[in-house]
Amino acid sequence: MKKAYIFAAISIFFWSTAAVISKLLLNNYDSFQVLWASAFFAAIALLAVNIFTGNIKNLKHYKLKDYLKIALMGIPGTFLYYVFYYSGNAIMPASQAFIINYLWPIMSVVFAVIILKEKLTLRKILAFIISFMGVFIVMAGDLRQIDPNIILGAVLCFLGAVAYGLFTALNQKSAYDKRISMMINYFVTFALTTVINLANHNLFLPNLTETAGFVWNGMLNMATASTLWIIALGLGKTAKISNLAYITPFLSLTWIALILKEELNVFFIIGLIIIVLGIFVQLKDKKQPAKAAK
């Protein structure tokens, strides 16, 4: 049980740094470039994990149609999600981008109703309304200035949340090995962004400092955190471990304030609290919290 909490804590720490690391990388590169390099390191890390654990042998059980299905199901979560979120994060404060993007747990509930045919209850509708009230509060200060970049950034981050919500529902429906499917997803994302960056003549060789940032973002934020989270859920009580994930956004805001020196105004804090409140409201409708997290 102690190991479960240690693995969960490591995952939460890495996830909490994602907004800061991606914002720093986006100062020099666009969203497709950041995703290209990060997905490469994530795929390599997951390949190493699957080889080390012997899990790689599961690949021989899959047919071509299985690989195609895994690739298509992964596009919303490892490609579209990051493209939208990185694009939004590049043009608005990291704190706002991260908070709006944290609508993904509520969007996963929406897609669970649509795709998994879960029952739509009054509690779920209330949770949806509460979380969107949180977003409006986060935006309240900047809406007075009507900054087009802030509005566009908010829309992009919301679309990222929608994409990841769709991914979590598809992932719950899938019976494929999660570590294998995530590895394939990141290799597919790397391939897609390679084509896009080649077409835009945007391939590059990062310097040593930038490489360290991409390694952190890909190997640690994307691959290691997700793998350790799955292990933690397997070792401990799912409900207790899953609830720890809600430390992530508050810890992330701490890093944003300390490292990026962004001012965290009262709208951001209240809005985030309300969004998380909405997430907790819908959790009461479930027998167990979803095992997918990020």
C-alpha atoms as a PDB file:
ATOM      1  CA  MET A   1       0.000   0.000   0.000  1.00  0.00           C
ATOM      2  CA  LYS A   2       2.882   2.368   0.781  1.00  0.00           C
ATOM      3  CA  LYS A   3       4.312   1.741  -2.706  1.00  0.00           C
ATOM      4  CA  ALA A   4       0.968   2.700  -4.226  1.00  0.00           C
ATOM      5  CA  TYR A   5       1.072   6.127  -2.570  1.00  0.00           C
ATOM      6  CA  ILE A   6       4.736   6.631  -3.539  1.00  0.00           C
ATOM      7  CA  PHE A   7       4.002   5.846  -7.211  1.00  0.00           C
ATOM      8  CA  ALA A   8       0.890   8.041  -7.128  1.00  0.00           C
ATOM      9  CA  ALA A   9       2.856  10.918  -5.583  1.00  0.00           C
ATOM     10  CA  ILE A  10       5.547  10.684  -8.279  1.00  0.00           C
ATOM     11  CA  SER A  11       2.871  10.715 -10.997  1.00  0.00           C
ATOM     12  CA  ILE A  12       1.145  13.746  -9.483  1.00  0.00           C
ATOM     13  CA  PHE A  13       4.456  15.607  -9.198  1.00  0.00           C
ATOM     14  CA  PHE A  14       5.326  15.025 -12.866  1.00  0.00           C
ATOM     15  CA  TRP A  15       1.819  15.895 -14.076  1.00  0.00           C
ATOM     16  CA  SER A  16       1.893  19.103 -12.049  1.00  0.00           C
ATOM     17  CA  THR A  17       4.970  20.294 -13.969  1.00  0.00           C
ATOM     18  CA  ALA A  18       3.405  19.752 -17.407  1.00  0.00           C
ATOM     19  CA  ALA A  19       1.933  23.258 -17.752  1.00  0.00           C
ATOM     20  CA  VAL A  20       5.229  24.956 -16.861  1.00  0.00           C
ATOM     21  CA  ILE A  21       7.452  22.733 -19.024  1.00  0.00           C
ATOM     22  CA  SER A  22       5.200  22.997 -22.071  1.00  0.00           C
ATOM     23  CA  LYS A  23       4.911  26.792 -21.679  1.00  0.00           C
ATOM     24  CA  LEU A  24       8.702  27.148 -21.579  1.00  0.00           C
ATOM     25  CA  LEU A  25       9.093  24.963 -24.689  1.00  0.00           C
ATOM     26  CA  LEU A  26       6.336  26.892 -26.493  1.00  0.00           C
ATOM     27  CA  ASN A  27       8.376  30.076 -26.087  1.00  0.00           C
ATOM     28  CA  ASN A  28      10.663  28.762 -28.855  1.00  0.00           C
ATOM     29  CA  TYR A  29       8.573  26.243 -30.797  1.00  0.00           C
ATOM     30  CA  ASP A  30       5.010  25.833 -32.037  1.00  0.00           C
ATOM     31  CA  SER A  31       2.580  23.184 -30.785  1.00  0.00           C
ATOM     32  CA  PHE A  32       3.385  20.641 -33.523  1.00  0.00           C
ATOM     33  CA  GLN A  33       7.118  20.951 -32.890  1.00  0.00           C
ATOM     34  CA  VAL A  34       6.747  20.549 -29.124  1.00  0.00           C
ATOM     35  CA  LEU A  35       4.468  17.554 -29.583  1.00  0.00           C
ATOM     36  CA  TRP A  36       6.785  15.998 -32.174  1.00  0.00           C
ATOM     37  CA  ALA A  37       9.808  15.906 -29.892  1.00  0.00           C
ATOM     38  CA  SER A  38       7.821  15.096 -26.734  1.00  0.00           C
ATOM     39  CA  ALA A  39       5.914  12.224 -28.386  1.00  0.00           C
ATOM     40  CA  PHE A  40       9.194  10.719 -29.576  1.00  0.00           C
ATOM     41  CA  PHE A  41      10.602  10.539 -26.055  1.00  0.00           C
ATOM     42  CA  ALA A  42       7.263   9.306 -24.665  1.00  0.00           C
ATOM     43  CA  ALA A  43       7.110   6.492 -27.229  1.00  0.00           C
ATOM     44  CA  ILE A  44      10.720   5.469 -26.570  1.00  0.00           C
ATOM     45  CA  ALA A  45      10.139   5.459 -22.810  1.00  0.00           C
ATOM     46  CA  LEU A  46       7.020   3.294 -23.125  1.00  0.00           C
ATOM     47  CA  LEU A  47       8.834   0.951 -25.512  1.00  0.00           C
ATOM     48  CA  ALA A  48      11.561   0.532 -22.876  1.00  0.00           C
ATOM     49  CA  VAL A  49       8.947  -0.113 -20.160  1.00  0.00           C
ATOM     50  CA  ASN A  50       7.191  -2.748 -22.261  1.00  0.00           C
ATOM     51  CA  ILE A  51      10.466  -4.467 -23.139  1.00  0.00           C
ATOM     52  CA  PHE A  52      11.717  -4.402 -19.534  1.00  0.00           C
ATOM     53  CA  THR A  53       8.461  -5.831 -18.139  1.00  0.00           C
ATOM     54  CA  GLY A  54       8.100  -8.417 -20.909  1.00  0.00           C
ATOM     55  CA  ASN A  55       4.822  -6.803 -21.886  1.00  0.00           C
ATOM     56  CA  ILE A  56       6.086  -6.309 -25.456  1.00  0.00           C
ATOM     57  CA  LYS A  57       5.228  -9.940 -26.247  1.00  0.00           C
ATOM     58  CA  ASN A  58       1.546  -8.966 -26.308  1.00  0.00           C
ATOM     59  CA  LEU A  59       2.154  -7.308 -29.681  1.00  0.00           C
ATOM     60  CA  LYS A  60       2.191 -10.709 -31.390  1.00  0.00           C
ATOM     61  CA  HIS A  61      -1.439 -11.271 -30.379  1.00  0.00           C
ATOM     62  CA  TYR A  62      -2.644  -8.257 -32.378  1.00  0.00           C
ATOM     63  CA  LYS A  63      -3.646  -8.214 -36.045  1.00  0.00           C
ATOM     64  CA  LEU A  64      -3.458  -5.299 -38.481  1.00  0.00           C
ATOM     65  CA  LYS A  65      -7.053  -4.298 -37.705  1.00  0.00           C
ATOM     66  CA  ASP A  66      -6.155  -4.151 -33.994  1.00  0.00           C
ATOM     67  CA  TYR A  67      -3.238  -1.803 -34.656  1.00  0.00           C
ATOM     68  CA  LEU A  68      -5.452   0.428 -36.803  1.00  0.00           C
ATOM     69  CA  LYS A  69      -8.152   0.470 -34.138  1.00  0.00           C
ATOM     70  CA  ILE A  70      -5.644   1.343 -31.388  1.00  0.00           C
ATOM     71  CA  ALA A  71      -4.146   4.104 -33.551  1.00  0.00           C
ATOM     72  CA  LEU A  72      -7.528   5.673 -34.341  1.00  0.00           C
ATOM     73  CA  MET A  73      -8.719   5.518 -30.723  1.00  0.00           C
ATOM     74  CA  GLY A  74      -5.497   7.162 -29.555  1.00  0.00           C
ATOM     75  CA  ILE A  75      -5.590  10.175 -31.890  1.00  0.00           C
ATOM     76  CA  PRO A  76      -7.964  12.237 -29.667  1.00  0.00           C
ATOM     77  CA  GLY A  77      -5.836  11.651 -26.535  1.00  0.00           C
ATOM     78  CA  THR A  78      -2.235  11.784 -27.709  1.00  0.00           C
ATOM     79  CA  PHE A  79      -2.530  14.001 -30.793  1.00  0.00           C
ATOM     80  CA  LEU A  80      -5.573  16.294 -30.845  1.00  0.00           C
ATOM     81  CA  TYR A  81      -5.516  16.876 -27.088  1.00  0.00           C
ATOM     82  CA  TYR A  82      -1.934  18.145 -27.081  1.00  0.00           C
ATOM     83  CA  VAL A  83      -2.284  20.143 -30.309  1.00  0.00           C
ATOM     84  CA  PHE A  84      -5.270  22.031 -28.902  1.00  0.00           C
ATOM     85  CA  TYR A  85      -3.844  22.448 -25.403  1.00  0.00           C
ATOM     86  CA  TYR A  86      -0.372  23.525 -26.562  1.00  0.00           C
ATOM     87  CA  SER A  87      -1.885  25.957 -29.078  1.00  0.00           C
ATOM     88  CA  GLY A  88      -4.025  27.505 -26.357  1.00  0.00           C
ATOM     89  CA  ASN A  89      -1.203  27.535 -23.825  1.00  0.00           C
ATOM     90  CA  ALA A  90       1.024  29.377 -26.318  1.00  0.00           C
ATOM     91  CA  ILE A  91      -1.272  32.412 -26.560  1.00  0.00           C
ATOM     92  CA  MET A  92      -2.681  32.776 -23.046  1.00  0.00           C
ATOM     93  CA  PRO A  93      -1.376  32.598 -19.463  1.00  0.00           C
ATOM     94  CA  ALA A  94      -0.380  29.041 -18.499  1.00  0.00           C
ATOM     95  CA  SER A  95      -2.560  29.179 -15.397  1.00  0.00           C
ATOM     96  CA  GLN A  96      -5.730  29.972 -17.346  1.00  0.00           C
ATOM     97  CA  ALA A  97      -4.927  27.427 -20.053  1.00  0.00           C
ATOM     98  CA  PHE A  98      -4.346  24.675 -17.512  1.00  0.00           C
ATOM     99  CA  ILE A  99      -7.492  25.421 -15.499  1.00  0.00           C
ATOM    100  CA  ILE A 100      -9.791  25.505 -18.552  1.00  0.00           C
ATOM    101  CA  ASN A 101      -8.185  22.326 -19.856  1.00  0.00           C
ATOM    102  CA  TYR A 102      -9.041  20.661 -16.540  1.00  0.00           C
ATOM    103  CA  LEU A 103     -12.613  20.355 -17.791  1.00  0.00           C
ATOM    104  CA  TRP A 104     -11.565  17.004 -19.282  1.00  0.00           C
ATOM    105  CA  PRO A 105     -12.942  14.884 -16.373  1.00  0.00           C
ATOM    106  CA  ILE A 106     -16.382  16.416 -16.925  1.00  0.00           C
ATOM    107  CA  MET A 107     -16.105  15.867 -20.689  1.00  0.00           C
ATOM    108  CA  SER A 108     -15.234  12.231 -20.013  1.00  0.00           C
ATOM    109  CA  VAL A 109     -18.585  11.944 -18.217  1.00  0.00           C
ATOM    110  CA  VAL A 110     -20.359  13.460 -21.228  1.00  0.00           C
ATOM    111  CA  PHE A 111     -18.745  10.958 -23.602  1.00  0.00           C
ATOM    112  CA  ALA A 112     -19.392   8.098 -21.180  1.00  0.00           C
ATOM    113  CA  VAL A 113     -23.095   8.890 -21.575  1.00  0.00           C
ATOM    114  CA  ILE A 114     -22.800   9.103 -25.373  1.00  0.00           C
ATOM    115  CA  ILE A 115     -20.383   6.235 -26.077  1.00  0.00           C
ATOM    116  CA  LEU A 116     -20.590   3.921 -23.060  1.00  0.00           C
ATOM    117  CA  LYS A 117     -24.363   4.448 -22.695  1.00  0.00           C
ATOM    118  CA  GLU A 118     -24.048   5.387 -19.037  1.00  0.00           C
ATOM    119  CA  LYS A 119     -27.176   6.838 -17.474  1.00  0.00           C
ATOM    120  CA  LEU A 120     -27.548  10.618 -17.625  1.00  0.00           C
ATOM    121  CA  THR A 121     -28.522  11.709 -14.125  1.00  0.00           C
ATOM    122  CA  LEU A 122     -29.433  15.032 -12.581  1.00  0.00           C
ATOM    123  CA  ARG A 123     -26.190  14.867 -10.579  1.00  0.00           C
ATOM    124  CA  LYS A 124     -24.141  14.625 -13.798  1.00  0.00           C
ATOM    125  CA  ILE A 125     -26.026  17.547 -15.346  1.00  0.00           C
ATOM    126  CA  LEU A 126     -25.428  19.583 -12.184  1.00  0.00           C
ATOM    127  CA  ALA A 127     -21.717  18.693 -12.230  1.00  0.00           C
ATOM    128  CA  PHE A 128     -21.469  19.825 -15.865  1.00  0.00           C
ATOM    129  CA  ILE A 129     -23.154  23.164 -15.089  1.00  0.00           C
ATOM    130  CA  ILE A 130     -20.987  23.764 -11.986  1.00  0.00           C
ATOM    131  CA  SER A 131     -17.729  23.087 -13.857  1.00  0.00           C
ATOM    132  CA  PHE A 132     -18.667  25.423 -16.705  1.00  0.00           C
ATOM    133  CA  MET A 133     -19.509  28.113 -14.160  1.00  0.00           C
ATOM    134  CA  GLY A 134     -15.907  27.678 -12.991  1.00  0.00           C
ATOM    135  CA  VAL A 135     -14.633  28.323 -16.519  1.00  0.00           C
ATOM    136  CA  PHE A 136     -16.686  31.512 -16.825  1.00  0.00           C
ATOM    137  CA  ILE A 137     -15.222  32.721 -13.531  1.00  0.00           C
ATOM    138  CA  VAL A 138     -11.675  31.968 -14.740  1.00  0.00           C
ATOM    139  CA  MET A 139     -12.415  33.998 -17.870  1.00  0.00           C
ATOM    140  CA  ALA A 140     -14.263  36.796 -16.044  1.00  0.00           C
ATOM    141  CA  GLY A 141     -11.290  39.126 -15.591  1.00  0.00           C
ATOM    142  CA  ASP A 142     -10.120  38.919 -19.198  1.00  0.00           C
ATOM    143  CA  LEU A 143     -13.582  39.057 -20.772  1.00  0.00           C
ATOM    144  CA  ARG A 144     -13.757  42.653 -19.575  1.00  0.00           C
ATOM    145  CA  GLN A 145     -10.805  43.404 -21.857  1.00  0.00           C
ATOM    146  CA  ILE A 146     -12.081  41.159 -24.697  1.00  0.00           C
ATOM    147  CA  ASP A 147      -8.608  40.032 -25.741  1.00  0.00           C
ATOM    148  CA  PRO A 148      -9.013  37.912 -28.927  1.00  0.00           C
ATOM    149  CA  ASN A 149      -5.994  35.768 -28.001  1.00  0.00           C
ATOM    150  CA  ILE A 150      -7.458  34.923 -24.591  1.00  0.00           C
ATOM    151  CA  ILE A 151     -10.807  33.975 -26.149  1.00  0.00           C
ATOM    152  CA  LEU A 152      -9.133  31.860 -28.844  1.00  0.00           C
ATOM    153  CA  GLY A 153      -6.853  30.249 -26.262  1.00  0.00           C
ATOM    154  CA  ALA A 154      -9.826  29.366 -24.085  1.00  0.00           C
ATOM    155  CA  VAL A 155     -11.636  27.764 -27.036  1.00  0.00           C
ATOM    156  CA  LEU A 156      -8.541  25.726 -27.942  1.00  0.00           C
ATOM    157  CA  CYS A 157      -8.044  24.530 -24.361  1.00  0.00           C
ATOM    158  CA  PHE A 158     -11.711  23.589 -24.175  1.00  0.00           C
ATOM    159  CA  LEU A 159     -11.373  21.607 -27.402  1.00  0.00           C
ATOM    160  CA  GLY A 160      -8.377  19.871 -25.810  1.00  0.00           C
ATOM    161  CA  ALA A 161     -10.569  18.899 -22.860  1.00  0.00           C
ATOM    162  CA  VAL A 162     -13.222  17.593 -25.265  1.00  0.00           C
ATOM    163  CA  ALA A 163     -10.611  15.520 -27.140  1.00  0.00           C
ATOM    164  CA  TYR A 164      -9.254  13.984 -23.941  1.00  0.00           C
ATOM    165  CA  GLY A 165     -12.755  13.309 -22.638  1.00  0.00           C
ATOM    166  CA  LEU A 166     -13.492  11.389 -25.837  1.00  0.00           C
ATOM    167  CA  PHE A 167     -10.208   9.502 -25.457  1.00  0.00           C
ATOM    168  CA  THR A 168     -10.969   8.392 -21.894  1.00  0.00           C
ATOM    169  CA  ALA A 169     -14.378   7.030 -22.951  1.00  0.00           C
ATOM    170  CA  LEU A 170     -12.867   5.151 -25.892  1.00  0.00           C
ATOM    171  CA  ASN A 171     -10.087   3.895 -23.618  1.00  0.00           C
ATOM    172  CA  GLN A 172     -12.609   2.531 -21.107  1.00  0.00           C
ATOM    173  CA  LYS A 173     -14.405   0.696 -23.885  1.00  0.00           C
ATOM    174  CA  SER A 174     -11.174  -0.833 -25.203  1.00  0.00           C
ATOM    175  CA  ALA A 175      -9.890  -4.193 -23.937  1.00  0.00           C
ATOM    176  CA  TYR A 176      -6.370  -3.675 -25.301  1.00  0.00           C
ATOM    177  CA  ASP A 177      -3.357  -3.644 -22.969  1.00  0.00           C
ATOM    178  CA  LYS A 178      -3.057  -0.011 -21.832  1.00  0.00           C
ATOM    179  CA  ARG A 179       0.741   0.194 -21.832  1.00  0.00           C
ATOM    180  CA  ILE A 180       0.948  -1.310 -25.316  1.00  0.00           C
ATOM    181  CA  SER A 181      -1.831   0.898 -26.687  1.00  0.00           C
ATOM    182  CA  MET A 182      -0.299   4.067 -25.195  1.00  0.00           C
ATOM    183  CA  MET A 183       3.066   3.182 -26.747  1.00  0.00           C
ATOM    184  CA  ILE A 184       1.430   2.733 -30.154  1.00  0.00           C
ATOM    185  CA  ASN A 185      -0.539   5.970 -29.690  1.00  0.00           C
ATOM    186  CA  TYR A 186       2.614   7.997 -29.066  1.00  0.00           C
ATOM    187  CA  PHE A 187       4.436   6.406 -32.020  1.00  0.00           C
ATOM    188  CA  VAL A 188       1.441   7.331 -34.207  1.00  0.00           C
ATOM    189  CA  THR A 189       1.477  10.893 -32.826  1.00  0.00           C
ATOM    190  CA  PHE A 190       5.205  11.122 -33.536  1.00  0.00           C
ATOM    191  CA  ALA A 191       4.592   9.927 -37.113  1.00  0.00           C
ATOM    192  CA  LEU A 192       1.737  12.410 -37.682  1.00  0.00           C
ATOM    193  CA  THR A 193       3.697  15.370 -36.337  1.00  0.00           C
ATOM    194  CA  THR A 194       6.731  14.332 -38.386  1.00  0.00           C
ATOM    195  CA  VAL A 195       4.652  14.580 -41.565  1.00  0.00           C
ATOM    196  CA  ILE A 196       3.178  17.944 -40.517  1.00  0.00           C
ATOM    197  CA  ASN A 197       6.545  19.427 -39.554  1.00  0.00           C
ATOM    198  CA  LEU A 198       8.147  18.144 -42.753  1.00  0.00           C
ATOM    199  CA  ALA A 199       5.383  19.781 -44.795  1.00  0.00           C
ATOM    200  CA  ASN A 200       5.928  23.056 -42.914  1.00  0.00           C
ATOM    201  CA  HIS A 201       9.735  22.740 -42.994  1.00  0.00           C
ATOM    202  CA  ASN A 202       9.698  22.844 -39.186  1.00  0.00           C
ATOM    203  CA  LEU A 203      11.862  19.869 -38.212  1.00  0.00           C
ATOM    204  CA  PHE A 204      14.668  20.909 -35.876  1.00  0.00           C
ATOM    205  CA  LEU A 205      17.508  19.747 -33.651  1.00  0.00           C
ATOM    206  CA  PRO A 206      17.070  21.070 -30.086  1.00  0.00           C
ATOM    207  CA  ASN A 207      20.034  22.229 -28.046  1.00  0.00           C
ATOM    208  CA  LEU A 208      21.025  20.466 -24.822  1.00  0.00           C
ATOM    209  CA  THR A 209      18.747  22.524 -22.564  1.00  0.00           C
ATOM    210  CA  GLU A 210      15.774  22.130 -24.887  1.00  0.00           C
ATOM    211  CA  THR A 211      16.433  18.390 -25.179  1.00  0.00           C
ATOM    212  CA  ALA A 212      16.264  18.115 -21.387  1.00  0.00           C
ATOM    213  CA  GLY A 213      12.886  19.892 -21.534  1.00  0.00           C
ATOM    214  CA  PHE A 214      11.552  17.529 -24.194  1.00  0.00           C
ATOM    215  CA  VAL A 215      12.831  14.491 -22.273  1.00  0.00           C
ATOM    216  CA  TRP A 216      11.083  15.748 -19.140  1.00  0.00           C
ATOM    217  CA  ASN A 217       7.874  16.482 -21.032  1.00  0.00           C
ATOM    218  CA  GLY A 218       7.816  13.230 -22.995  1.00  0.00           C
ATOM    219  CA  MET A 219       9.475  10.615 -20.808  1.00  0.00           C
ATOM    220  CA  LEU A 220       8.321  11.914 -17.444  1.00  0.00           C
ATOM    221  CA  ASN A 221       5.120  13.957 -17.888  1.00  0.00           C
ATOM    222  CA  MET A 222       3.611  11.781 -20.608  1.00  0.00           C
ATOM    223  CA  ALA A 223       5.041   8.262 -20.210  1.00  0.00           C
ATOM    224  CA  THR A 224       6.411   7.700 -16.708  1.00  0.00           C
ATOM    225  CA  ALA A 225       3.589   9.468 -14.874  1.00  0.00           C
ATOM    226  CA  SER A 226       0.890   7.492 -16.693  1.00  0.00           C
ATOM    227  CA  THR A 227       2.693   4.167 -16.207  1.00  0.00           C
ATOM    228  CA  LEU A 228       3.274   4.714 -12.482  1.00  0.00           C
ATOM    229  CA  TRP A 229      -0.333   5.818 -12.063  1.00  0.00           C
ATOM    230  CA  ILE A 230      -1.592   2.564 -13.571  1.00  0.00           C
ATOM    231  CA  ILE A 231       0.723   0.616 -11.237  1.00  0.00           C
ATOM    232  CA  ALA A 232      -0.430   2.654  -8.216  1.00  0.00           C
ATOM    233  CA  LEU A 233      -4.080   1.944  -8.982  1.00  0.00           C
ATOM    234  CA  GLY A 234      -3.260  -1.745  -9.212  1.00  0.00           C
ATOM    235  CA  LEU A 235      -1.458  -1.780  -5.855  1.00  0.00           C
ATOM    236  CA  GLY A 236      -3.815   0.287  -3.725  1.00  0.00           C
ATOM    237  CA  LYS A 237      -7.461   1.082  -3.204  1.00  0.00           C
ATOM    238  CA  THR A 238      -8.678   2.674  -6.427  1.00  0.00           C
ATOM    239  CA  ALA A 239     -10.994   5.222  -4.789  1.00  0.00           C
ATOM    240  CA  LYS A 240      -8.362   6.584  -2.390  1.00  0.00           C
ATOM    241  CA  ILE A 241      -5.580   6.667  -5.006  1.00  0.00           C
ATOM    242  CA  SER A 242      -7.781   8.250  -7.698  1.00  0.00           C
ATOM    243  CA  ASN A 243      -8.828  11.109  -5.432  1.00  0.00           C
ATOM    244  CA  LEU A 244      -5.169  12.084  -5.014  1.00  0.00           C
ATOM    245  CA  ALA A 245      -5.165  13.223  -8.655  1.00  0.00           C
ATOM    246  CA  TYR A 246      -7.103  16.349  -7.654  1.00  0.00           C
ATOM    247  CA  ILE A 247      -3.989  17.667  -5.926  1.00  0.00           C
ATOM    248  CA  THR A 248      -2.470  18.095  -9.398  1.00  0.00           C
ATOM    249  CA  PRO A 249      -4.105  21.377 -10.524  1.00  0.00           C
ATOM    250  CA  PHE A 250      -3.348  23.192  -7.263  1.00  0.00           C
ATOM    251  CA  LEU A 251       0.269  22.010  -7.254  1.00  0.00           C
ATOM    252  CA  SER A 252       0.545  23.017 -10.907  1.00  0.00           C
ATOM    253  CA  LEU A 253      -0.574  26.571 -10.098  1.00  0.00           C
ATOM    254  CA  THR A 254       2.157  26.701  -7.459  1.00  0.00           C
ATOM    255  CA  TRP A 255       4.849  25.859 -10.047  1.00  0.00           C
ATOM    256  CA  ILE A 256       3.361  28.362 -12.499  1.00  0.00           C
ATOM    257  CA  ALA A 257       3.552  31.143  -9.900  1.00  0.00           C
ATOM    258  CA  LEU A 258       7.068  30.221  -8.751  1.00  0.00           C
ATOM    259  CA  ILE A 259       8.717  29.479 -12.109  1.00  0.00           C
ATOM    260  CA  LEU A 260       6.750  31.443 -14.702  1.00  0.00           C
ATOM    261  CA  LYS A 261       6.050  34.304 -12.256  1.00  0.00           C
ATOM    262  CA  GLU A 262       2.435  34.532 -13.420  1.00  0.00           C
ATOM    263  CA  GLU A 263       0.069  36.395 -11.159  1.00  0.00           C
ATOM    264  CA  LEU A 264      -2.700  34.115  -9.896  1.00  0.00           C
ATOM    265  CA  ASN A 265      -5.707  36.358  -9.400  1.00  0.00           C
ATOM    266  CA  VAL A 266      -8.805  35.507  -7.415  1.00  0.00           C
ATOM    267  CA  PHE A 267     -10.777  34.559 -10.550  1.00  0.00           C
ATOM    268  CA  PHE A 268      -8.335  31.728 -11.316  1.00  0.00           C
ATOM    269  CA  ILE A 269      -8.383  30.257  -7.809  1.00  0.00           C
ATOM    270  CA  ILE A 270     -12.163  30.425  -7.340  1.00  0.00           C
ATOM    271  CA  GLY A 271     -12.780  29.126 -10.859  1.00  0.00           C
ATOM    272  CA  LEU A 272     -10.504  26.118 -10.337  1.00  0.00           C
ATOM    273  CA  ILE A 273     -12.134  25.288  -7.002  1.00  0.00           C
ATOM    274  CA  ILE A 274     -15.568  25.342  -8.655  1.00  0.00           C
ATOM    275  CA  ILE A 275     -14.409  23.154 -11.568  1.00  0.00           C
ATOM    276  CA  VAL A 276     -12.994  20.598  -9.128  1.00  0.00           C
ATOM    277  CA  LEU A 277     -16.213  20.811  -7.098  1.00  0.00           C
ATOM    278  CA  GLY A 278     -18.129  19.865 -10.242  1.00  0.00           C
ATOM    279  CA  ILE A 279     -15.821  16.877 -10.749  1.00  0.00           C
ATOM    280  CA  PHE A 280     -16.429  15.697  -7.177  1.00  0.00           C
ATOM    281  CA  VAL A 281     -20.184  16.068  -7.617  1.00  0.00           C
ATOM    282  CA  GLN A 282     -20.219  13.682 -10.572  1.00  0.00           C
ATOM    283  CA  LEU A 283     -17.930  11.206  -8.785  1.00  0.00           C
ATOM    284  CA  LYS A 284     -20.746  10.569  -6.300  1.00  0.00           C
ATOM    285  CA  ASP A 285     -22.684   9.038  -9.169  1.00  0.00           C
ATOM    286  CA  LYS A 286     -20.073   6.328  -9.695  1.00  0.00           C
ATOM    287  CA  LYS A 287     -19.425   3.152  -7.799  1.00  0.00           C
ATOM    288  CA  GLN A 288     -15.709   3.656  -8.492  1.00  0.00           C
ATOM    289  CA  PRO A 289     -13.779   6.592  -9.907  1.00  0.00           C
ATOM    290  CA  ALA A 290     -12.444   6.093 -13.391  1.00  0.00           C
ATOM    291  CA  LYS A 291      -8.998   4.591 -13.487  1.00  0.00           C
ATOM    292  CA  ALA A 292      -7.832   6.766 -16.344  1.00  0.00           C
ATOM    293  CA  ALA A 293      -6.084   9.903 -15.203  1.00  0.00           C
ATOM    294  CA  LYS A 294      -3.453  12.302 -16.343  1.00  0.00           C
END
